[in-house]
């Protein structure tokens, strides 16, 4: 698990760490590229739309499985549950989760309480 600040710069930090880890694991460049794009989107959404976890942080995990890379980003939840939007050609936002859904085998959101408030986790299974 990687714990990062609830800040825009954290997307780049996580992207670099994930990319290096997946490349070291011998995954194809296309999978590494898709995974880093997805994690950037998820961290960016957490920073834009959700509260941080206790301590002002986000928690990001990844694991390489035989048939997929599992990515998760956990935050303190927001006013709504993450969902795909139908962005129009003039919209400057709203395409991120559509891109995630197009690249992923599956994705979803889990929410649960913890001792200091709610936790919302977006998970993505990226095929290998």
Protein backbone atom coordinates (compact mmCIF):
# COMPACT_ATOMS: atom_id res chain seq x y z
CA UNK A 1 0.00 0.00 0.00
CA UNK A 2 1.17 3.49 -0.84
CA UNK A 3 -0.07 6.39 1.26
CA UNK A 4 0.07 9.80 -0.42
CA UNK A 5 -1.12 13.29 0.39
CA UNK A 6 -4.58 14.31 -0.77
CA UNK A 7 -3.04 16.68 -3.32
CA UNK A 8 -2.84 16.97 -7.12
CA UNK A 9 0.89 16.18 -7.19
CA UNK A 10 0.14 12.75 -5.72
CA UNK A 11 -1.20 11.51 -9.07
CA UNK A 12 2.25 11.89 -10.63
CA UNK A 13 3.98 10.33 -7.64
CA UNK A 14 1.75 7.25 -7.73
CA UNK A 15 1.98 7.01 -11.52
CA UNK A 16 5.80 6.91 -11.39
CA UNK A 17 5.91 4.35 -8.57
CA UNK A 18 3.32 2.09 -10.17
CA UNK A 19 4.96 2.32 -13.60
CA UNK A 20 8.37 1.37 -12.21
CA UNK A 21 6.92 -1.51 -10.18
CA UNK A 22 4.95 -2.97 -13.08
CA UNK A 23 7.89 -2.59 -15.48
CA UNK A 24 10.14 -4.36 -12.96
CA UNK A 25 7.55 -7.16 -12.83
CA UNK A 26 8.01 -7.62 -16.58
CA UNK A 27 4.56 -6.52 -17.69
CA UNK A 28 4.14 -5.30 -21.29
CA UNK A 29 4.52 -1.57 -21.87
CA UNK A 30 0.89 -1.36 -23.00
CA UNK A 31 -0.34 -2.72 -19.65
CA UNK A 32 1.99 -0.40 -17.74
CA UNK A 33 0.69 2.56 -19.77
CA UNK A 34 -2.96 1.64 -19.20
CA UNK A 35 -2.38 1.07 -15.48
CA UNK A 36 -0.62 4.41 -15.00
CA UNK A 37 -3.37 6.22 -16.93
CA UNK A 38 -6.06 4.58 -14.77
CA UNK A 39 -4.33 5.26 -11.45
CA UNK A 40 -3.78 8.90 -12.44
CA UNK A 41 -7.47 9.26 -13.18
CA UNK A 42 -8.53 7.62 -9.92
CA UNK A 43 -6.16 9.68 -7.76
CA UNK A 44 -7.16 12.84 -9.62
CA UNK A 45 -10.84 12.12 -9.02
CA UNK A 46 -10.20 11.48 -5.32
CA UNK A 47 -8.40 14.80 -4.98
CA UNK A 48 -11.09 16.70 -6.93
CA UNK A 49 -14.26 15.15 -5.59
CA UNK A 50 -13.63 13.33 -2.30
CA UNK A 51 -12.48 14.01 1.21
CA UNK A 52 -9.15 12.64 2.36
CA UNK A 53 -8.77 9.79 4.81
CA UNK A 54 -7.68 10.65 8.35
CA UNK A 55 -4.36 12.45 8.22
CA UNK A 56 -5.14 14.13 4.88
CA UNK A 57 -4.12 11.13 2.77
CA UNK A 58 -5.22 8.66 0.11
CA UNK A 59 -4.31 4.98 0.07
CA UNK A 60 -3.37 3.36 -3.24
CA UNK A 61 -2.66 -0.33 -3.79
CA UNK A 62 -1.81 -2.54 -6.72
CA UNK A 63 -1.15 -6.21 -7.14
CA UNK A 64 -0.18 -8.30 -10.14
CA UNK A 65 -2.32 -11.39 -10.50
CA UNK A 66 -2.06 -14.14 -13.12
CA UNK A 67 -4.71 -12.56 -15.36
CA UNK A 68 -4.96 -8.93 -14.23
CA UNK A 69 -3.51 -6.01 -12.33
CA UNK A 70 -5.77 -4.99 -9.44
CA UNK A 71 -5.63 -1.27 -8.65
CA UNK A 72 -7.41 0.44 -5.73
CA UNK A 73 -7.64 4.02 -4.53
CA UNK A 74 -9.26 4.74 -1.16
CA UNK A 75 -10.39 8.11 0.14
CA UNK A 76 -12.87 9.55 2.62
CA UNK A 77 -15.77 9.55 0.19
CA UNK A 78 -17.58 12.46 -1.34
CA UNK A 79 -21.07 13.80 -1.89
CA UNK A 80 -21.77 11.12 -4.51
CA UNK A 81 -20.55 7.68 -5.57
CA UNK A 82 -18.14 7.66 -8.55
CA UNK A 83 -19.94 6.79 -11.79
CA UNK A 84 -19.50 7.14 -15.53
CA UNK A 85 -20.89 10.26 -17.17
CA UNK A 86 -21.96 10.82 -20.74
CA UNK A 87 -19.71 13.75 -21.66
CA UNK A 88 -20.58 15.76 -24.74
CA UNK A 89 -18.08 16.99 -27.32
CA UNK A 90 -17.86 20.43 -25.66
CA UNK A 91 -17.46 19.12 -22.08
CA UNK A 92 -14.02 19.56 -20.55
CA UNK A 93 -14.62 16.96 -17.81
CA UNK A 94 -16.53 13.73 -17.40
CA UNK A 95 -14.64 11.27 -19.60
CA UNK A 96 -12.26 9.74 -17.03
CA UNK A 97 -14.34 6.86 -15.76
CA UNK A 98 -15.51 6.09 -19.31
CA UNK A 99 -11.84 5.66 -20.22
CA UNK A 100 -11.32 3.50 -17.13
CA UNK A 101 -14.31 1.34 -18.09
CA UNK A 102 -13.03 0.98 -21.67
CA UNK A 103 -9.61 -0.23 -20.51
CA UNK A 104 -10.69 -2.32 -17.52
CA UNK A 105 -12.04 -5.83 -17.40
CA UNK A 106 -14.19 -4.69 -14.48
CA UNK A 107 -14.33 -1.86 -11.96
CA UNK A 108 -16.49 -0.70 -9.10
CA UNK A 109 -16.78 1.11 -5.80
CA UNK A 110 -16.86 -0.25 -2.25
CA UNK A 111 -17.78 1.89 0.74
CA UNK A 112 -17.49 1.06 4.41
CA UNK A 113 -17.16 2.89 7.72
CA UNK A 114 -14.00 2.90 9.77
CA UNK A 115 -13.16 4.40 13.14
CA UNK A 116 -12.61 7.90 11.77
CA UNK A 117 -15.30 8.12 9.06
CA UNK A 118 -16.35 6.58 5.77
CA UNK A 119 -13.94 4.98 3.33
CA UNK A 120 -14.66 4.80 -0.38
CA UNK A 121 -12.50 2.51 -2.51
CA UNK A 122 -12.57 2.47 -6.30
CA UNK A 123 -11.11 -0.80 -7.64
CA UNK A 124 -10.13 -1.71 -11.18
CA UNK A 125 -9.17 -5.04 -12.74
CA UNK A 126 -6.94 -4.38 -15.73
CA UNK A 127 -6.42 -7.46 -17.94
CA UNK A 128 -2.86 -8.62 -18.52
